[in-house]
Amino acid sequence: LTNLLSQYVNSYKDLPLLIYQIQSKFRNELRAKSGLLRGREFLMKDL
């Protein structure tokens, strides 16, 4: 996202910005025994 915005943000007039997504994430957890509380594939909102 930082790399993407380097194509669009040039001036102080372009800021501030808040950008988010709701997307599946993937993490190679060593321990995944808590059901949906710790997933290797999970849905997350990142802003």
All heavy atoms as atom14 arrays in JSON, in Angstrom:
{
  "sequence": "LTNLLSQYVNSYKDLPLLIYQIQSKFRNELRAKSGLLRGREFLMKDL",
  "atom14_mask": [
    [1, 1, 1, 1, 1, 1, 1, 1, 0, 0, 0, 0, 0, 0],
    [1, 1, 1, 1, 1, 1, 1, 0, 0, 0, 0, 0, 0, 0],
    [1, 1, 1, 1, 1, 1, 1, 1, 0, 0, 0, 0, 0, 0],
    [1, 1, 1, 1, 1, 1, 1, 1, 0, 0, 0, 0, 0, 0],
    [1, 1, 1, 1, 1, 1, 1, 1, 0, 0, 0, 0, 0, 0],
    [1, 1, 1, 1, 1, 1, 0, 0, 0, 0, 0, 0, 0, 0],
    [1, 1, 1, 1, 1, 1, 1, 1, 1, 0, 0, 0, 0, 0],
    [1, 1, 1, 1, 1, 1, 1, 1, 1, 1, 1, 1, 0, 0],
    [1, 1, 1, 1, 1, 1, 1, 0, 0, 0, 0, 0, 0, 0],
    [1, 1, 1, 1, 1, 1, 1, 1, 0, 0, 0, 0, 0, 0],
    [1, 1, 1, 1, 1, 1, 0, 0, 0, 0, 0, 0, 0, 0],
    [1, 1, 1, 1, 1, 1, 1, 1, 1, 1, 1, 1, 0, 0],
    [1, 1, 1, 1, 1, 1, 1, 1, 1, 0, 0, 0, 0, 0],
    [1, 1, 1, 1, 1, 1, 1, 1, 0, 0, 0, 0, 0, 0],
    [1, 1, 1, 1, 1, 1, 1, 1, 0, 0, 0, 0, 0, 0],
    [1, 1, 1, 1, 1, 1, 1, 0, 0, 0, 0, 0, 0, 0],
    [1, 1, 1, 1, 1, 1, 1, 1, 0, 0, 0, 0, 0, 0],
    [1, 1, 1, 1, 1, 1, 1, 1, 0, 0, 0, 0, 0, 0],
    [1, 1, 1, 1, 1, 1, 1, 1, 0, 0, 0, 0, 0, 0],
    [1, 1, 1, 1, 1, 1, 1, 1, 1, 1, 1, 1, 0, 0],
    [1, 1, 1, 1, 1, 1, 1, 1, 1, 0, 0, 0, 0, 0],
    [1, 1, 1, 1, 1, 1, 1, 1, 0, 0, 0, 0, 0, 0],
    [1, 1, 1, 1, 1, 1, 1, 1, 1, 0, 0, 0, 0, 0],
    [1, 1, 1, 1, 1, 1, 0, 0, 0, 0, 0, 0, 0, 0],
    [1, 1, 1, 1, 1, 1, 1, 1, 1, 0, 0, 0, 0, 0],
    [1, 1, 1, 1, 1, 1, 1, 1, 1, 1, 1, 0, 0, 0],
    [1, 1, 1, 1, 1, 1, 1, 1, 1, 1, 1, 0, 0, 0],
    [1, 1, 1, 1, 1, 1, 1, 1, 0, 0, 0, 0, 0, 0],
    [1, 1, 1, 1, 1, 1, 1, 1, 1, 0, 0, 0, 0, 0],
    [1, 1, 1, 1, 1, 1, 1, 1, 0, 0, 0, 0, 0, 0],
    [1, 1, 1, 1, 1, 1, 1, 1, 1, 1, 1, 0, 0, 0],
    [1, 1, 1, 1, 1, 0, 0, 0, 0, 0, 0, 0, 0, 0],
    [1, 1, 1, 1, 1, 1, 1, 1, 1, 0, 0, 0, 0, 0],
    [1, 1, 1, 1, 1, 1, 0, 0, 0, 0, 0, 0, 0, 0],
    [1, 1, 1, 1, 0, 0, 0, 0, 0, 0, 0, 0, 0, 0],
    [1, 1, 1, 1, 1, 1, 1, 1, 0, 0, 0, 0, 0, 0],
    [1, 1, 1, 1, 1, 1, 1, 1, 0, 0, 0, 0, 0, 0],
    [1, 1, 1, 1, 1, 1, 1, 1, 1, 1, 1, 0, 0, 0],
    [1, 1, 1, 1, 0, 0, 0, 0, 0, 0, 0, 0, 0, 0],
    [1, 1, 1, 1, 1, 1, 1, 1, 1, 1, 1, 0, 0, 0],
    [1, 1, 1, 1, 1, 1, 1, 1, 1, 0, 0, 0, 0, 0],
    [1, 1, 1, 1, 1, 1, 1, 1, 1, 1, 1, 0, 0, 0],
    [1, 1, 1, 1, 1, 1, 1, 1, 0, 0, 0, 0, 0, 0],
    [1, 1, 1, 1, 1, 1, 1, 1, 0, 0, 0, 0, 0, 0],
    [1, 1, 1, 1, 1, 1, 1, 1, 1, 0, 0, 0, 0, 0],
    [1, 1, 1, 1, 1, 1, 1, 1, 0, 0, 0, 0, 0, 0],
    [1, 1, 1, 1, 1, 1, 1, 1, 0, 0, 0, 0, 0, 0]
  ],
  "atom14_positions": [
    [[0.83, -1.2, 0.0], [0.0, 0.0, 0.0], [0.86, 1.25, 0.0], [0.55, 2.23, -0.69], [-0.94, 0.0, 1.21], [-1.91, 1.19, 1.28], [-2.71, 1.34, -0.02], [-2.86, 1.06, 2.46], [0.0, 0.0, 0.0], [0.0, 0.0, 0.0], [0.0, 0.0, 0.0], [0.0, 0.0, 0.0], [0.0, 0.0, 0.0], [0.0, 0.0, 0.0]],
    [[1.95, 1.24, 0.75], [2.87, 2.39, 0.74], [3.43, 2.6, -0.66], [3.5, 3.73, -1.16], [4.02, 2.16, 1.73], [3.48, 1.92, 3.04], [4.95, 3.37, 1.79], [0.0, 0.0, 0.0], [0.0, 0.0, 0.0], [0.0, 0.0, 0.0], [0.0, 0.0, 0.0], [0.0, 0.0, 0.0], [0.0, 0.0, 0.0], [0.0, 0.0, 0.0]],
    [[3.83, 1.53, -1.3], [4.35, 1.61, -2.67], [3.28, 2.14, -3.63], [3.57, 2.97, -4.5], [4.84, 0.23, -3.12], [5.43, 0.24, -4.5], [6.44, 0.88, -4.76], [4.8, -0.47, -5.41], [0.0, 0.0, 0.0], [0.0, 0.0, 0.0], [0.0, 0.0, 0.0], [0.0, 0.0, 0.0], [0.0, 0.0, 0.0], [0.0, 0.0, 0.0]],
    [[2.06, 1.67, -3.46], [0.95, 2.14, -4.31], [0.74, 3.64, -4.17], [0.61, 4.37, -5.16], [-0.32, 1.37, -3.93], [-1.64, 1.87, -4.54], [-1.65, 1.59, -6.03], [-2.83, 1.21, -3.86], [0.0, 0.0, 0.0], [0.0, 0.0, 0.0], [0.0, 0.0, 0.0], [0.0, 0.0, 0.0], [0.0, 0.0, 0.0], [0.0, 0.0, 0.0]],
    [[0.72, 4.11, -2.92], [0.43, 5.54, -2.69], [1.55, 6.45, -3.16], [1.32, 7.65, -3.38], [0.13, 5.78, -1.22], [-1.25, 5.31, -0.74], [-1.51, 5.76, 0.68], [-2.37, 5.8, -1.64], [0.0, 0.0, 0.0], [0.0, 0.0, 0.0], [0.0, 0.0, 0.0], [0.0, 0.0, 0.0], [0.0, 0.0, 0.0], [0.0, 0.0, 0.0]],
    [[2.75, 5.92, -3.33], [3.84, 6.76, -3.85], [3.54, 7.22, -5.27], [4.14, 8.18, -5.76], [5.16, 5.98, -3.82], [5.13, 4.89, -4.75], [0.0, 0.0, 0.0], [0.0, 0.0, 0.0], [0.0, 0.0, 0.0], [0.0, 0.0, 0.0], [0.0, 0.0, 0.0], [0.0, 0.0, 0.0], [0.0, 0.0, 0.0], [0.0, 0.0, 0.0]],
    [[2.56, 6.56, -5.93], [2.14, 6.98, -7.27], [1.06, 8.05, -7.24], [0.76, 8.65, -8.27], [1.61, 5.76, -8.04], [2.54, 4.57, -8.07], [3.84, 4.88, -8.76], [3.85, 5.45, -9.86], [4.96, 4.52, -8.13], [0.0, 0.0, 0.0], [0.0, 0.0, 0.0], [0.0, 0.0, 0.0], [0.0, 0.0, 0.0], [0.0, 0.0, 0.0]],
    [[0.47, 8.29, -6.05], [-0.68, 9.18, -5.97], [-0.49, 10.36, -5.02], [-1.16, 11.38, -5.17], [-1.92, 8.38, -5.53], [-2.37, 7.36, -6.54], [-1.96, 6.03, -6.43], [-3.18, 7.7, -7.61], [-2.35, 5.08, -7.35], [-3.59, 6.76, -8.54], [-3.17, 5.45, -8.41], [-3.56, 4.51, -9.34], [0.0, 0.0, 0.0], [0.0, 0.0, 0.0]],
    [[0.36, 10.22, -4.03], [0.56, 11.28, -3.05], [1.79, 12.1, -3.45], [2.9, 11.57, -3.54], [0.75, 10.7, -1.64], [1.16, 11.79, -0.66], [-0.53, 10.03, -1.17], [0.0, 0.0, 0.0], [0.0, 0.0, 0.0], [0.0, 0.0, 0.0], [0.0, 0.0, 0.0], [0.0, 0.0, 0.0], [0.0, 0.0, 0.0], [0.0, 0.0, 0.0]],
    [[1.58, 13.39, -3.65], [2.67, 14.28, -4.03], [2.74, 15.52, -3.15], [3.82, 15.99, -2.81], [2.51, 14.73, -5.49], [2.52, 13.55, -6.45], [3.51, 12.87, -6.58], [1.38, 13.33, -7.12], [0.0, 0.0, 0.0], [0.0, 0.0, 0.0], [0.0, 0.0, 0.0], [0.0, 0.0, 0.0], [0.0, 0.0, 0.0], [0.0, 0.0, 0.0]],
    [[1.58, 16.04, -2.77], [1.49, 17.31, -2.07], [0.85, 17.14, -0.7], [0.14, 16.14, -0.44], [0.65, 18.29, -2.91], [0.23, 19.4, -2.16], [0.0, 0.0, 0.0], [0.0, 0.0, 0.0], [0.0, 0.0, 0.0], [0.0, 0.0, 0.0], [0.0, 0.0, 0.0], [0.0, 0.0, 0.0], [0.0, 0.0, 0.0], [0.0, 0.0, 0.0]],
    [[1.08, 18.11, 0.17], [0.42, 18.12, 1.47], [-1.1, 18.18, 1.32], [-1.85, 17.77, 2.21], [0.91, 19.31, 2.31], [0.47, 20.67, 1.8], [-0.67, 21.29, 2.33], [1.17, 21.35, 0.81], [-1.09, 22.53, 1.88], [0.76, 22.59, 0.35], [-0.37, 23.18, 0.89], [-0.78, 24.41, 0.44], [0.0, 0.0, 0.0], [0.0, 0.0, 0.0]],
    [[-1.56, 18.64, 0.16], [-3.0, 18.7, -0.08], [-3.61, 17.31, -0.28], [-4.83, 17.15, -0.21], [-3.28, 19.56, -1.31], [-2.88, 21.02, -1.14], [-3.16, 21.82, -2.4], [-2.75, 23.28, -2.25], [-3.0, 24.08, -3.49], [0.0, 0.0, 0.0], [0.0, 0.0, 0.0], [0.0, 0.0, 0.0], [0.0, 0.0, 0.0], [0.0, 0.0, 0.0]],
    [[-2.76, 16.3, -0.52], [-3.25, 14.93, -0.72], [-3.46, 14.18, 0.6], [-3.94, 13.04, 0.59], [-2.26, 14.15, -1.58], [-2.07, 14.74, -2.96], [-3.06, 15.24, -3.52], [-0.94, 14.7, -3.47], [0.0, 0.0, 0.0], [0.0, 0.0, 0.0], [0.0, 0.0, 0.0], [0.0, 0.0, 0.0], [0.0, 0.0, 0.0], [0.0, 0.0, 0.0]],
    [[-3.09, 14.81, 1.69], [-3.12, 14.15, 3.01], [-4.0, 14.93, 3.98], [-4.23, 16.12, 3.78], [-1.69, 14.04, 3.55], [-0.72, 13.21, 2.71], [0.71, 13.43, 3.19], [-1.09, 11.73, 2.74], [0.0, 0.0, 0.0], [0.0, 0.0, 0.0], [0.0, 0.0, 0.0], [0.0, 0.0, 0.0], [0.0, 0.0, 0.0], [0.0, 0.0, 0.0]],
    [[-4.51, 14.28, 5.04], [-4.29, 12.89, 5.45], [-5.18, 11.93, 4.66], [-6.16, 12.32, 4.04], [-4.67, 12.91, 6.92], [-5.74, 13.96, 7.0], [-5.32, 15.03, 6.03], [0.0, 0.0, 0.0], [0.0, 0.0, 0.0], [0.0, 0.0, 0.0], [0.0, 0.0, 0.0], [0.0, 0.0, 0.0], [0.0, 0.0, 0.0], [0.0, 0.0, 0.0]],
    [[-4.81, 10.63, 4.74], [-5.57, 9.58, 4.08], [-5.77, 8.41, 5.05], [-4.89, 8.09, 5.85], [-4.81, 9.05, 2.86], [-4.85, 9.87, 1.56], [-3.93, 9.24, 0.53], [-6.27, 9.95, 1.02], [0.0, 0.0, 0.0], [0.0, 0.0, 0.0], [0.0, 0.0, 0.0], [0.0, 0.0, 0.0], [0.0, 0.0, 0.0], [0.0, 0.0, 0.0]],
    [[-6.93, 7.78, 4.94], [-7.21, 6.53, 5.64], [-7.69, 5.53, 4.6], [-8.66, 5.79, 3.88], [-8.3, 6.72, 6.71], [-7.88, 7.39, 8.02], [-9.11, 7.79, 8.82], [-7.02, 6.43, 8.84], [0.0, 0.0, 0.0], [0.0, 0.0, 0.0], [0.0, 0.0, 0.0], [0.0, 0.0, 0.0], [0.0, 0.0, 0.0], [0.0, 0.0, 0.0]],
    [[-7.0, 4.4, 4.5], [-7.32, 3.39, 3.49], [-7.37, 2.03, 4.17], [-6.5, 1.7, 4.98], [-6.28, 3.39, 2.36], [-6.28, 4.76, 1.65], [-6.55, 2.28, 1.36], [-5.2, 4.92, 0.61], [0.0, 0.0, 0.0], [0.0, 0.0, 0.0], [0.0, 0.0, 0.0], [0.0, 0.0, 0.0], [0.0, 0.0, 0.0], [0.0, 0.0, 0.0]],
    [[-8.4, 1.25, 3.85], [-8.52, -0.05, 4.51], [-9.0, -1.11, 3.53], [-9.46, -0.84, 2.42], [-9.49, 0.02, 5.7], [-10.96, 0.05, 5.34], [-11.74, -1.11, 5.42], [-11.59, 1.23, 4.93], [-13.1, -1.08, 5.12], [-12.95, 1.27, 4.63], [-13.69, 0.1, 4.72], [-15.02, 0.12, 4.41], [0.0, 0.0, 0.0], [0.0, 0.0, 0.0]],
    [[-8.88, -2.35, 3.98], [-9.41, -3.48, 3.23], [-9.9, -4.53, 4.22], [-9.53, -4.54, 5.39], [-8.35, -4.09, 2.32], [-7.16, -4.66, 3.06], [-6.18, -5.37, 2.16], [-6.47, -5.68, 1.01], [-5.0, -5.63, 2.67], [0.0, 0.0, 0.0], [0.0, 0.0, 0.0], [0.0, 0.0, 0.0], [0.0, 0.0, 0.0], [0.0, 0.0, 0.0]],
    [[-10.77, -5.41, 3.74], [-11.18, -6.6, 4.5], [-10.82, -7.78, 3.61], [-11.4, -7.96, 2.54], [-12.69, -6.57, 4.82], [-13.0, -5.38, 5.74], [-13.13, -7.87, 5.47], [-14.47, -5.18, 6.04], [0.0, 0.0, 0.0], [0.0, 0.0, 0.0], [0.0, 0.0, 0.0], [0.0, 0.0, 0.0], [0.0, 0.0, 0.0], [0.0, 0.0, 0.0]],
    [[-9.82, -8.56, 4.06], [-9.19, -9.52, 3.16], [-8.65, -10.71, 3.94], [-8.33, -10.59, 5.13], [-8.04, -8.82, 2.42], [-7.4, -9.66, 1.33], [-5.96, -9.23, 1.08], [-5.16, -9.19, 1.99], [-5.64, -8.91, -0.17], [0.0, 0.0, 0.0], [0.0, 0.0, 0.0], [0.0, 0.0, 0.0], [0.0, 0.0, 0.0], [0.0, 0.0, 0.0]],
    [[-8.56, -11.85, 3.28], [-7.93, -13.02, 3.9], [-6.44, -12.81, 4.06], [-5.77, -12.27, 3.17], [-8.18, -14.28, 3.07], [-9.55, -14.65, 3.12], [0.0, 0.0, 0.0], [0.0, 0.0, 0.0], [0.0, 0.0, 0.0], [0.0, 0.0, 0.0], [0.0, 0.0, 0.0], [0.0, 0.0, 0.0], [0.0, 0.0, 0.0], [0.0, 0.0, 0.0]],
    [[-5.92, -13.23, 5.2], [-4.49, -13.17, 5.48], [-3.98, -14.59, 5.73], [-4.74, -15.49, 6.1], [-4.22, -12.31, 6.72], [-4.61, -10.83, 6.54], [-3.63, -10.13, 5.61], [-3.8, -8.62, 5.67], [-5.08, -8.16, 5.08], [0.0, 0.0, 0.0], [0.0, 0.0, 0.0], [0.0, 0.0, 0.0], [0.0, 0.0, 0.0], [0.0, 0.0, 0.0]],
    [[-2.69, -14.77, 5.56], [-2.08, -16.09, 5.7], [-0.85, -15.98, 6.59], [0.05, -15.19, 6.31], [-1.67, -16.63, 4.32], [-2.83, -16.74, 3.37], [-3.2, -15.65, 2.58], [-3.55, -17.91, 3.25], [-4.27, -15.74, 1.7], [-4.62, -18.0, 2.38], [-4.98, -16.92, 1.6], [0.0, 0.0, 0.0], [0.0, 0.0, 0.0], [0.0, 0.0, 0.0]],
    [[-0.83, -16.77, 7.66], [0.33, -16.78, 8.56], [0.65, -18.21, 8.96], [-0.24, -18.96, 9.38], [0.06, -15.9, 9.79], [-0.04, -14.43, 9.41], [-0.24, -13.5, 10.58], [-0.45, -12.14, 10.1], [-0.78, -11.12, 10.87], [-0.95, -11.29, 12.17], [-0.95, -9.91, 10.35], [0.0, 0.0, 0.0], [0.0, 0.0, 0.0], [0.0, 0.0, 0.0]],
    [[1.91, -18.55, 8.85], [2.36, -19.91, 9.1], [2.59, -20.12, 10.6], [3.71, -20.25, 11.06], [3.63, -20.19, 8.3], [3.98, -21.66, 8.27], [3.21, -22.5, 8.73], [5.14, -21.98, 7.72], [0.0, 0.0, 0.0], [0.0, 0.0, 0.0], [0.0, 0.0, 0.0], [0.0, 0.0, 0.0], [0.0, 0.0, 0.0], [0.0, 0.0, 0.0]],
    [[1.47, -20.15, 11.33], [1.52, -20.28, 12.78], [2.05, -21.66, 13.18], [1.64, -22.69, 12.62], [0.13, -20.09, 13.38], [-0.49, -18.72, 13.14], [0.06, -17.65, 14.07], [0.93, -17.99, 14.91], [-0.39, -16.5, 13.97], [0.0, 0.0, 0.0], [0.0, 0.0, 0.0], [0.0, 0.0, 0.0], [0.0, 0.0, 0.0], [0.0, 0.0, 0.0]],
    [[2.98, -21.69, 14.15], [3.48, -22.96, 14.65], [2.4, -23.69, 15.43], [2.32, -24.91, 15.42], [4.71, -22.73, 15.53], [5.97, -22.21, 14.82], [7.07, -21.95, 15.83], [6.44, -23.22, 13.77], [0.0, 0.0, 0.0], [0.0, 0.0, 0.0], [0.0, 0.0, 0.0], [0.0, 0.0, 0.0], [0.0, 0.0, 0.0], [0.0, 0.0, 0.0]],
    [[1.56, -22.91, 16.14], [0.51, -23.5, 16.96], [-0.84, -22.93, 16.53], [-1.05, -21.73, 16.58], [0.77, -23.18, 18.45], [-0.27, -23.76, 19.39], [0.04, -23.37, 20.84], [-0.95, -23.91, 21.77], [-2.13, -23.36, 22.01], [-2.48, -22.25, 21.39], [-2.96, -23.91, 22.87], [0.0, 0.0, 0.0], [0.0, 0.0, 0.0], [0.0, 0.0, 0.0]],
    [[-1.72, -23.78, 16.09], [-3.05, -23.33, 15.67], [-4.09, -24.25, 16.3], [-4.72, -25.06, 15.63], [-3.16, -23.33, 14.15], [0.0, 0.0, 0.0], [0.0, 0.0, 0.0], [0.0, 0.0, 0.0], [0.0, 0.0, 0.0], [0.0, 0.0, 0.0], [0.0, 0.0, 0.0], [0.0, 0.0, 0.0], [0.0, 0.0, 0.0], [0.0, 0.0, 0.0]],
    [[-4.24, -24.14, 17.62], [-5.12, -25.04, 18.36], [-6.25, -24.3, 19.07], [-6.89, -24.86, 19.95], [-4.31, -25.84, 19.38], [-3.26, -26.76, 18.76], [-2.51, -27.54, 19.83], [-1.48, -28.46, 19.19], [-0.74, -29.24, 20.21], [0.0, 0.0, 0.0], [0.0, 0.0, 0.0], [0.0, 0.0, 0.0], [0.0, 0.0, 0.0], [0.0, 0.0, 0.0]],
    [[-6.47, -23.04, 18.72], [-7.48, -22.24, 19.4], [-8.68, -21.95, 18.53], [-9.38, -20.95, 18.72], [-6.86, -20.93, 19.9], [-5.84, -21.19, 20.83], [0.0, 0.0, 0.0], [0.0, 0.0, 0.0], [0.0, 0.0, 0.0], [0.0, 0.0, 0.0], [0.0, 0.0, 0.0], [0.0, 0.0, 0.0], [0.0, 0.0, 0.0], [0.0, 0.0, 0.0]],
    [[-8.94, -22.79, 17.54], [-10.07, -22.57, 16.66], [-9.91, -21.29, 15.86], [-8.84, -21.02, 15.3], [0.0, 0.0, 0.0], [0.0, 0.0, 0.0], [0.0, 0.0, 0.0], [0.0, 0.0, 0.0], [0.0, 0.0, 0.0], [0.0, 0.0, 0.0], [0.0, 0.0, 0.0], [0.0, 0.0, 0.0], [0.0, 0.0, 0.0], [0.0, 0.0, 0.0]],
    [[-10.96, -20.47, 15.82], [-10.92, -19.23, 15.05], [-10.08, -18.15, 15.72], [-9.84, -17.09, 15.14], [-12.34, -18.7, 14.81], [-13.03, -19.22, 13.55], [-13.22, -20.73, 13.6], [-14.38, -18.53, 13.35], [0.0, 0.0, 0.0], [0.0, 0.0, 0.0], [0.0, 0.0, 0.0], [0.0, 0.0, 0.0], [0.0, 0.0, 0.0], [0.0, 0.0, 0.0]],
    [[-9.63, -18.4, 16.95], [-8.83, -17.4, 17.65], [-7.39, -17.35, 17.15], [-6.68, -16.38, 17.41], [-8.83, -17.66, 19.17], [-9.97, -17.0, 19.95], [-11.32, -17.48, 19.46], [-9.83, -17.28, 21.43], [0.0, 0.0, 0.0], [0.0, 0.0, 0.0], [0.0, 0.0, 0.0], [0.0, 0.0, 0.0], [0.0, 0.0, 0.0], [0.0, 0.0, 0.0]],
    [[-6.93, -18.39, 16.47], [-5.59, -18.36, 15.89], [-5.59, -19.19, 14.62], [-5.52, -20.41, 14.67], [-4.54, -18.87, 16.86], [-3.11, -18.8, 16.29], [-2.07, -19.11, 17.34], [-2.03, -18.08, 18.36], [-1.36, -16.93, 18.25], [-0.68, -16.66, 17.15], [-1.38, -16.06, 19.23], [0.0, 0.0, 0.0], [0.0, 0.0, 0.0], [0.0, 0.0, 0.0]],
    [[-5.69, -18.52, 13.48], [-5.78, -19.23, 12.22], [-4.55, -19.06, 11.36], [-3.81, -18.08, 11.48], [0.0, 0.0, 0.0], [0.0, 0.0, 0.0], [0.0, 0.0, 0.0], [0.0, 0.0, 0.0], [0.0, 0.0, 0.0], [0.0, 0.0, 0.0], [0.0, 0.0, 0.0], [0.0, 0.0, 0.0], [0.0, 0.0, 0.0], [0.0, 0.0, 0.0]],
    [[-4.35, -20.01, 10.48], [-3.3, -19.88, 9.46], [-3.85, -19.15, 8.23], [-3.09, -18.57, 7.46], [-2.78, -21.27, 9.09], [-2.02, -21.95, 10.24], [-1.32, -23.23, 9.79], [-0.42, -23.67, 10.84], [-0.62, -24.75, 11.6], [-1.72, -25.47, 11.43], [0.26, -25.1, 12.52], [0.0, 0.0, 0.0], [0.0, 0.0, 0.0], [0.0, 0.0, 0.0]],
    [[-5.14, -19.2, 8.06], [-5.85, -18.4, 7.06], [-7.03, -17.77, 7.77], [-7.82, -18.47, 8.4], [-6.32, -19.27, 5.89], [-7.11, -18.5, 4.84], [-7.6, -19.38, 3.7], [-7.09, -20.52, 3.57], [-8.49, -18.94, 2.95], [0.0, 0.0, 0.0], [0.0, 0.0, 0.0], [0.0, 0.0, 0.0], [0.0, 0.0, 0.0], [0.0, 0.0, 0.0]],
    [[-7.16, -16.45, 7.7], [-8.2, -15.77, 8.47], [-8.59, -14.47, 7.79], [-7.85, -13.94, 6.94], [-7.71, -15.49, 9.9], [-6.42, -14.72, 9.97], [-6.41, -13.33, 10.09], [-5.19, -15.38, 9.93], [-5.22, -12.62, 10.15], [-3.99, -14.66, 9.99], [-4.01, -13.28, 10.1], [0.0, 0.0, 0.0], [0.0, 0.0, 0.0], [0.0, 0.0, 0.0]],
    [[-9.76, -13.96, 8.15], [-10.25, -12.71, 7.58], [-9.92, -11.56, 8.52], [-10.17, -11.63, 9.73], [-11.76, -12.78, 7.36], [-12.37, -11.63, 6.55], [-11.83, -11.65, 5.11], [-13.89, -11.72, 6.54], [0.0, 0.0, 0.0], [0.0, 0.0, 0.0], [0.0, 0.0, 0.0], [0.0, 0.0, 0.0], [0.0, 0.0, 0.0], [0.0, 0.0, 0.0]],
    [[-9.36, -10.5, 7.95], [-8.89, -9.38, 8.75], [-9.27, -8.05, 8.09], [-9.32, -7.94, 6.86], [-7.37, -9.46, 8.9], [-6.73, -8.33, 9.69], [-4.93, -8.58, 9.79], [-4.44, -7.08, 10.64], [0.0, 0.0, 0.0], [0.0, 0.0, 0.0], [0.0, 0.0, 0.0], [0.0, 0.0, 0.0], [0.0, 0.0, 0.0], [0.0, 0.0, 0.0]],
    [[-9.57, -7.07, 8.91], [-9.66, -5.69, 8.43], [-8.36, -5.0, 8.8], [-7.98, -4.94, 9.95], [-10.84, -4.97, 9.11], [-11.1, -3.55, 8.58], [-10.15, -2.48, 9.13], [-10.19, -2.4, 10.63], [-9.18, -1.43, 11.15], [0.0, 0.0, 0.0], [0.0, 0.0, 0.0], [0.0, 0.0, 0.0], [0.0, 0.0, 0.0], [0.0, 0.0, 0.0]],
    [[-7.64, -4.53, 7.79], [-6.44, -3.75, 8.07], [-6.57, -2.35, 7.47], [-6.85, -2.19, 6.29], [-5.15, -4.44, 7.62], [-5.24, -5.09, 6.25], [-6.33, -5.56, 5.88], [-4.21, -5.15, 5.55], [0.0, 0.0, 0.0], [0.0, 0.0, 0.0], [0.0, 0.0, 0.0], [0.0, 0.0, 0.0], [0.0, 0.0, 0.0], [0.0, 0.0, 0.0]],
    [[-6.43, -1.37, 8.34], [-6.54, 0.05, 7.99], [-5.16, 0.68, 8.12], [-4.39, 0.34, 9.02], [-7.51, 0.74, 8.96], [-7.58, 2.26, 8.96], [-8.31, 2.78, 7.73], [-8.27, 2.77, 10.22], [0.0, 0.0, 0.0], [0.0, 0.0, 0.0], [0.0, 0.0, 0.0], [0.0, 0.0, 0.0], [0.0, 0.0, 0.0], [0.0, 0.0, 0.0]]
  ]
}
